[in-house]
Protein backbone atom coordinates (compact mmCIF):
# COMPACT_ATOMS: atom_id res chain seq x y z
CA UNK A 1 181.70 77.16 128.78
CA UNK A 2 181.27 80.38 130.73
CA UNK A 3 179.14 79.55 133.81
CA UNK A 4 176.99 82.56 132.98
CA UNK A 5 176.09 80.96 129.65
CA UNK A 6 175.28 77.69 131.36
CA UNK A 7 172.97 79.58 133.69
CA UNK A 8 171.31 81.34 130.76
CA UNK A 9 170.84 78.06 128.88
CA UNK A 10 169.26 76.51 131.95
CA UNK A 11 167.13 79.62 132.44
CA UNK A 12 165.95 79.54 128.83
CA UNK A 13 164.96 75.89 129.26
CA UNK A 14 162.95 76.52 132.41
CA UNK A 15 161.39 79.77 131.19
CA UNK A 16 160.47 78.16 127.87
CA UNK A 17 158.60 75.44 129.75
CA UNK A 18 156.94 78.09 131.91
CA UNK A 19 156.03 80.16 128.87
CA UNK A 20 154.48 77.21 127.02
CA UNK A 21 152.43 76.21 130.06
CA UNK A 22 151.27 79.80 130.58
CA UNK A 23 150.22 80.08 126.94
CA UNK A 24 148.19 76.88 127.29
CA UNK A 25 146.69 78.17 130.53
CA UNK A 26 145.79 81.54 128.98
CA UNK A 27 144.19 79.79 126.01
CA UNK A 28 141.60 78.12 128.25
CA UNK A 29 139.54 81.28 129.13
CA UNK A 30 139.66 82.36 125.48
CA UNK A 31 138.38 78.99 124.30
CA UNK A 32 135.75 78.94 127.05
CA UNK A 33 134.50 82.37 125.97
CA UNK A 34 134.48 81.23 122.35
CA UNK A 35 132.38 78.16 123.23
CA UNK A 36 129.87 80.17 125.27
CA UNK A 37 129.60 82.67 122.40
CA UNK A 38 128.86 79.82 119.95
CA UNK A 39 126.26 78.32 122.27
CA UNK A 40 124.57 81.70 122.70
CA UNK A 41 124.51 82.25 118.93
CA UNK A 42 122.95 78.82 118.35
CA UNK A 43 120.31 79.56 120.98
CA UNK A 44 119.55 82.92 119.39
CA UNK A 45 119.24 81.28 115.94
CA UNK A 46 116.90 78.62 117.33
CA UNK A 47 114.86 81.31 119.09
CA UNK A 48 114.61 83.38 115.90
CA UNK A 49 113.53 80.30 113.91
CA UNK A 50 110.86 79.54 116.52
CA UNK A 51 109.60 83.13 116.47
CA UNK A 52 109.31 83.10 112.66
CA UNK A 53 107.45 79.80 112.80
CA UNK A 54 105.02 81.03 115.49
CA UNK A 55 104.49 84.35 113.70
CA UNK A 56 103.42 82.63 110.51
CA UNK A 57 101.25 80.18 112.44
CA UNK A 58 99.39 83.16 113.91
CA UNK A 59 99.15 84.68 110.44
CA UNK A 60 97.70 81.42 109.11
CA UNK A 61 95.00 81.36 111.81
CA UNK A 62 94.19 85.03 111.10
CA UNK A 63 93.78 84.33 107.38
CA UNK A 64 91.68 81.24 108.09
CA UNK A 65 89.38 83.38 110.21
CA UNK A 66 89.18 86.01 107.45
CA UNK A 67 88.24 83.33 104.92
CA UNK A 68 85.54 82.00 107.25
CA UNK A 69 84.17 85.50 107.79
CA UNK A 70 84.20 86.24 104.06
CA UNK A 71 82.49 82.94 103.33
CA UNK A 72 79.83 83.70 105.93
CA UNK A 73 79.35 87.14 104.35
CA UNK A 74 79.02 85.52 100.92
CA UNK A 75 76.31 83.16 102.19
CA UNK A 76 74.52 86.15 103.69
CA UNK A 77 74.70 88.09 100.40
CA UNK A 78 73.44 85.09 98.44
CA UNK A 79 70.48 84.86 100.79
CA UNK A 80 69.77 88.54 100.26
CA UNK A 81 69.51 87.99 96.50
CA UNK A 82 66.31 86.01 97.05
CA UNK A 83 64.56 89.00 98.61
CA UNK A 84 65.87 91.74 96.32
CA UNK A 85 63.40 92.93 93.69
CA UNK A 86 65.26 96.00 92.47
CA UNK A 87 67.54 95.12 89.52
CA UNK A 88 70.10 97.77 90.38
CA UNK A 89 70.36 96.55 93.96
CA UNK A 90 70.46 92.96 92.69
CA UNK A 91 73.41 93.70 90.37
CA UNK A 92 75.21 95.56 93.15
CA UNK A 93 74.84 92.58 95.47
CA UNK A 94 76.11 90.26 92.74
CA UNK A 95 79.14 92.54 92.33
CA UNK A 96 79.74 92.34 96.10
CA UNK A 97 79.61 88.54 95.92
CA UNK A 98 82.07 88.51 93.02
CA UNK A 99 84.36 90.82 94.99
CA UNK A 100 84.19 88.44 97.96
CA UNK A 101 84.98 85.50 95.66
CA UNK A 102 88.05 87.29 94.26
CA UNK A 103 89.19 88.20 97.74
CA UNK A 104 88.71 84.60 98.90
CA UNK A 105 90.64 83.28 95.88
CA UNK A 106 93.58 85.55 96.69
CA UNK A 107 93.34 84.58 100.33
CA UNK A 108 93.36 80.86 99.49
CA UNK A 109 96.42 81.30 97.25
CA UNK A 110 98.16 83.13 100.05
CA UNK A 111 97.11 80.40 102.48
CA UNK A 112 98.71 77.72 100.29
CA UNK A 113 101.95 79.73 100.08
CA UNK A 114 101.82 80.34 103.82
CA UNK A 115 101.27 76.65 104.59
CA UNK A 116 104.28 75.72 102.43
CA UNK A 117 106.37 78.34 104.20
CA UNK A 118 105.23 77.15 107.63
CA UNK A 119 106.14 73.56 106.78
CA UNK A 120 109.62 74.64 105.67
CA UNK A 121 110.03 76.66 108.84
CA UNK A 122 108.81 73.71 110.92
CA UNK A 123 111.55 71.54 109.41
CA UNK A 124 114.13 74.33 109.79
CA UNK A 125 113.17 74.76 113.45
CA UNK A 126 113.41 71.01 114.04
CA UNK A 127 116.85 70.95 112.43
CA UNK A 128 118.01 73.98 114.41
CA UNK A 129 116.86 72.42 117.70
CA UNK A 130 118.64 69.16 116.87
CA UNK A 131 121.81 71.08 115.97
CA UNK A 132 121.58 73.08 119.20
CA UNK A 133 121.09 69.95 121.33
CA UNK A 134 123.96 68.13 119.61
CA UNK A 135 126.42 71.02 119.82
CA UNK A 136 125.42 71.96 123.37
CA UNK A 137 126.22 68.41 124.46
CA UNK A 138 129.56 68.55 122.65
CA UNK A 139 130.40 72.05 123.94
CA UNK A 140 129.46 71.24 127.55
CA UNK A 141 131.70 68.17 127.36
CA UNK A 142 134.55 70.37 126.13
CA UNK A 143 133.86 72.93 128.88
CA UNK A 144 134.19 70.18 131.48
CA UNK A 145 137.47 69.10 129.89
CA UNK A 146 138.70 72.70 129.97
CA UNK A 147 137.85 72.95 133.67
CA UNK A 148 139.88 69.83 134.39
CA UNK A 149 142.73 71.02 132.20
CA UNK A 150 142.73 74.41 133.90
CA UNK A 151 143.05 72.81 137.33
CA UNK A 152 145.93 70.61 136.17
CA UNK A 153 147.77 73.37 134.36
CA UNK A 154 147.43 75.76 137.28
CA UNK A 155 149.70 73.58 139.40
CA UNK A 156 152.15 72.97 136.56
CA UNK A 157 152.45 76.71 135.86
CA UNK A 158 153.23 77.43 139.51
CA UNK A 159 155.80 74.63 139.58
CA UNK A 160 157.45 75.92 136.37
CA UNK A 161 157.57 79.46 137.75
CA UNK A 162 159.18 78.19 140.92
CA UNK A 163 161.87 76.33 138.98
CA UNK A 164 162.56 79.35 136.78
CA UNK A 165 162.82 81.63 139.82
CA UNK A 166 165.32 79.28 141.47
CA UNK A 167 167.51 79.53 138.35
CA UNK A 168 167.12 83.32 138.19
CA UNK A 169 168.64 83.55 141.65
CA UNK A 170 171.93 82.29 140.18
CA UNK A 171 171.95 84.75 137.27
CA UNK A 172 173.53 88.20 137.43
CA UNK A 173 170.64 90.72 137.77
CA UNK A 174 171.89 92.93 134.92
CA UNK A 175 172.36 89.90 132.68
CA UNK A 176 168.91 88.63 133.61
CA UNK A 177 167.26 91.94 132.74
CA UNK A 178 168.84 91.84 129.29
CA UNK A 179 167.92 88.17 128.91
CA UNK A 180 164.29 88.86 129.88
CA UNK A 181 163.93 91.67 127.35
CA UNK A 182 165.25 89.46 124.54
CA UNK A 183 163.28 86.43 125.71
CA UNK A 184 160.00 88.37 125.71
CA UNK A 185 160.64 90.17 122.41
CA UNK A 186 161.99 87.16 120.49
CA UNK A 187 159.22 84.67 121.10
CA UNK A 188 160.83 82.92 124.05
CA UNK A 189 164.25 82.38 122.48
CA UNK A 190 167.02 84.53 123.94
CA UNK A 191 169.96 82.26 123.01
CA UNK A 192 171.07 80.93 119.65
CA UNK A 193 173.84 78.61 118.46
CA UNK A 194 176.76 79.94 116.43
CA UNK A 195 177.70 76.59 114.87
CA UNK A 196 178.61 76.76 111.20
CA UNK A 197 179.44 80.44 111.44
CA UNK A 198 175.81 81.55 111.35
CA UNK A 199 173.38 82.68 114.02
CA UNK A 200 171.04 79.78 114.65
CA UNK A 201 168.09 82.16 115.07
CA UNK A 202 168.37 84.95 112.49
CA UNK A 203 170.84 83.10 110.18
CA UNK A 204 173.15 86.10 109.81
CA UNK A 205 176.77 85.25 108.91
CA UNK A 206 178.97 85.84 111.95
CA UNK A 207 182.31 87.62 111.88
CA UNK A 208 185.46 85.51 112.49
CA UNK A 209 185.94 87.31 115.80
CA UNK A 210 182.43 86.39 117.04
CA UNK A 211 182.95 82.80 115.91
CA UNK A 212 186.24 82.64 117.82
CA UNK A 213 184.65 84.08 120.96
CA UNK A 214 181.68 81.74 120.89
CA UNK A 215 183.94 78.74 120.22
CA UNK A 216 186.01 79.57 123.28
CA UNK A 217 182.83 79.97 125.34
CA UNK A 218 184.49 82.25 127.86
CA UNK A 219 182.63 85.46 127.07
CA UNK A 220 179.08 86.72 126.66
CA UNK A 221 178.68 87.17 122.90
CA UNK A 222 175.76 89.02 121.32
CA UNK A 223 174.53 88.47 117.75
CA UNK A 224 174.85 91.64 115.70
CA UNK A 225 171.73 90.72 113.74
CA UNK A 226 169.13 89.80 116.35
CA UNK A 227 170.82 90.71 119.68
CA UNK A 228 170.47 87.17 121.05
CA UNK A 229 173.13 85.58 123.23
CA UNK A 230 175.35 83.32 121.13
CA UNK A 231 176.93 80.06 122.21
CA UNK A 232 178.75 77.21 120.53
CA UNK A 233 177.01 73.87 120.93
CA UNK A 234 179.91 71.38 120.95
CA UNK A 235 177.50 68.45 121.02
CA UNK A 236 176.54 69.31 117.44
CA UNK A 237 180.20 69.03 116.42
CA UNK A 238 180.37 65.61 118.10
CA UNK A 239 177.25 64.48 116.23
CA UNK A 240 178.84 65.48 112.92
CA UNK A 241 182.00 63.55 113.75
CA UNK A 242 179.99 60.49 114.69
CA UNK A 243 178.08 60.69 111.41
CA UNK A 244 181.32 60.61 109.37
């Protein structure tokens, strides 16, 4: 096989390893940001649940005070009835007492609804706090794992880059530039087999001339469909023979 192809195959191997490690390394900050965003959302939800609960607790105390004040006013009005001698004034005071009773009845109904709501919110807040505590523990554990993974991958990425660079030194600069463009644009695969008469990447049927050239392995052959470098993998032919 053309030594240039051997160099490109070796380069693809090393750069593929480098690329995979870099993708894993780049995923860590994204995942870390995602975790912190989730934690912040859970905290905001718990805070909102607590604020709703406290707001309705304050409302309950306010309504309790109103009921107490209205009841005190009713007692005062009832006491006034004993000293009123004018019928018109007596009826007016009775009407005031009835109005207070209606207001108290509505207030008590609202209090019952409010107490039910507060109890539901108390349970919701408890659940939200438990969920926050559970997920924070899980997320912080994952964050620690990410930190350790980041440290380990950092060294592996540098090592992979170093290996790839050592191979690049043996590749013709013009050939490398073309290889790099294809490698980056084709998802990390710049070479493809031509075995079977088809491009192993884009599956286009190859012309007899391209098949002949790749079989000989003495030239740089480019796929007319996807522009990848083509090569004939003779080990695949040996595998087929052994299977017969």
